[in-house]
Amino acid sequence: MGSKFSSAMKCFIRCPACTLKLLRNFGSLGPETSALLKEVCPDIEEESVGYYFGLFMGAIFVVLCVMAYLFLYAFRAVWEEILFIP
């Protein structure tokens, strides 16, 4: 799984427009976009790019939610310190 995931991420870094077109069209590409994707990333399957990029975006979303929760917790702690000064 690691090699497919890393190759899908490398493909996204090399040609983000191709990958986003693939994601936007739910796997159906035009012939020129498919040819460009095969030229840029010859070893990758089109289905795995969308799947692993979606998995990566889901992980990023979870990390950002955890960070937002931690910042909210820290903000509440600081705000309560400011309001309840003895």
Protein backbone atom coordinates (compact mmCIF):
# COMPACT_ATOMS: atom_id res chain seq x y z
CA MET A 1 0.00 0.00 0.00
CA GLY A 2 2.86 2.36 0.75
CA SER A 3 4.32 2.22 -2.73
CA LYS A 4 0.97 2.77 -4.45
CA PHE A 5 0.18 5.63 -2.08
CA SER A 6 3.56 7.30 -2.59
CA SER A 7 3.40 6.87 -6.37
CA ALA A 8 -0.10 8.38 -6.42
CA MET A 9 1.13 11.37 -4.39
CA LYS A 10 4.13 11.78 -6.70
CA CYS A 11 1.77 11.74 -9.65
CA PHE A 12 -0.33 14.45 -8.02
CA ILE A 13 2.77 16.56 -7.40
CA ARG A 14 3.93 16.14 -11.00
CA CYS A 15 0.58 16.90 -12.62
CA PRO A 16 -1.99 18.33 -10.20
CA ALA A 17 -4.28 19.50 -13.00
CA CYS A 18 -4.54 15.95 -14.40
CA THR A 19 -5.27 14.50 -10.98
CA LEU A 20 -7.90 17.11 -10.18
CA LYS A 21 -9.58 16.53 -13.55
CA LEU A 22 -9.61 12.83 -12.75
CA LEU A 23 -11.18 13.46 -9.36
CA ARG A 24 -13.69 15.98 -10.68
CA ASN A 25 -14.91 13.67 -13.45
CA PHE A 26 -15.15 10.61 -11.17
CA GLY A 27 -12.63 8.56 -13.11
CA SER A 28 -13.72 9.32 -16.66
CA LEU A 29 -11.04 11.25 -18.49
CA GLY A 30 -10.84 12.79 -21.88
CA PRO A 31 -8.31 11.26 -24.26
CA GLU A 32 -5.85 14.15 -24.00
CA THR A 33 -5.90 14.19 -20.20
CA SER A 34 -5.53 10.42 -20.05
CA ALA A 35 -2.59 10.56 -22.45
CA LEU A 36 -0.95 13.34 -20.42
CA LEU A 37 -1.46 11.40 -17.19
CA LYS A 38 0.08 8.27 -18.74
CA GLU A 39 2.98 10.38 -20.05
CA VAL A 40 3.68 12.01 -16.67
CA CYS A 41 3.00 8.91 -14.54
CA PRO A 42 3.38 5.78 -16.69
CA ASP A 43 3.43 3.34 -13.75
CA ILE A 44 0.20 4.48 -12.08
CA GLU A 45 -3.36 3.27 -12.57
CA GLU A 46 -6.01 5.95 -12.96
CA GLU A 47 -8.27 4.40 -10.32
CA SER A 48 -5.56 4.31 -7.67
CA VAL A 49 -4.72 7.99 -8.09
CA GLY A 50 -8.23 9.07 -7.17
CA TYR A 51 -8.53 6.54 -4.35
CA TYR A 52 -5.24 7.34 -2.66
CA PHE A 53 -5.58 11.08 -3.17
CA GLY A 54 -9.00 10.91 -1.52
CA LEU A 55 -7.48 8.91 1.32
CA PHE A 56 -4.74 11.53 1.68
CA MET A 57 -7.28 14.37 1.72
CA GLY A 58 -9.30 12.52 4.37
CA ALA A 59 -6.20 12.19 6.55
CA ILE A 60 -5.43 15.89 6.10
CA PHE A 61 -9.02 16.72 7.12
CA VAL A 62 -8.72 14.63 10.29
CA VAL A 63 -5.40 16.28 11.20
CA LEU A 64 -6.87 19.75 10.67
CA CYS A 65 -9.90 18.88 12.83
CA VAL A 66 -7.62 17.70 15.64
CA MET A 67 -5.57 20.88 15.36
CA ALA A 68 -8.72 23.02 15.48
CA TYR A 69 -9.90 21.16 18.57
CA LEU A 70 -6.55 21.68 20.30
CA PHE A 71 -6.51 25.39 19.44
CA LEU A 72 -10.07 25.74 20.71
CA TYR A 73 -9.12 23.98 23.96
CA ALA A 74 -6.06 26.24 24.37
CA PHE A 75 -8.15 29.34 23.61
CA ARG A 76 -10.73 28.36 26.22
CA ALA A 77 -8.03 27.78 28.82
CA VAL A 78 -6.46 31.17 28.12
CA TRP A 79 -9.86 32.91 28.04
CA GLU A 80 -10.87 31.43 31.41
CA GLU A 81 -7.53 32.56 32.88
CA ILE A 82 -8.17 36.09 31.68
CA LEU A 83 -11.75 36.26 32.93
CA PHE A 84 -11.29 34.61 36.33
CA ILE A 85 -8.29 36.45 37.72
CA PRO A 86 -8.41 36.15 41.55
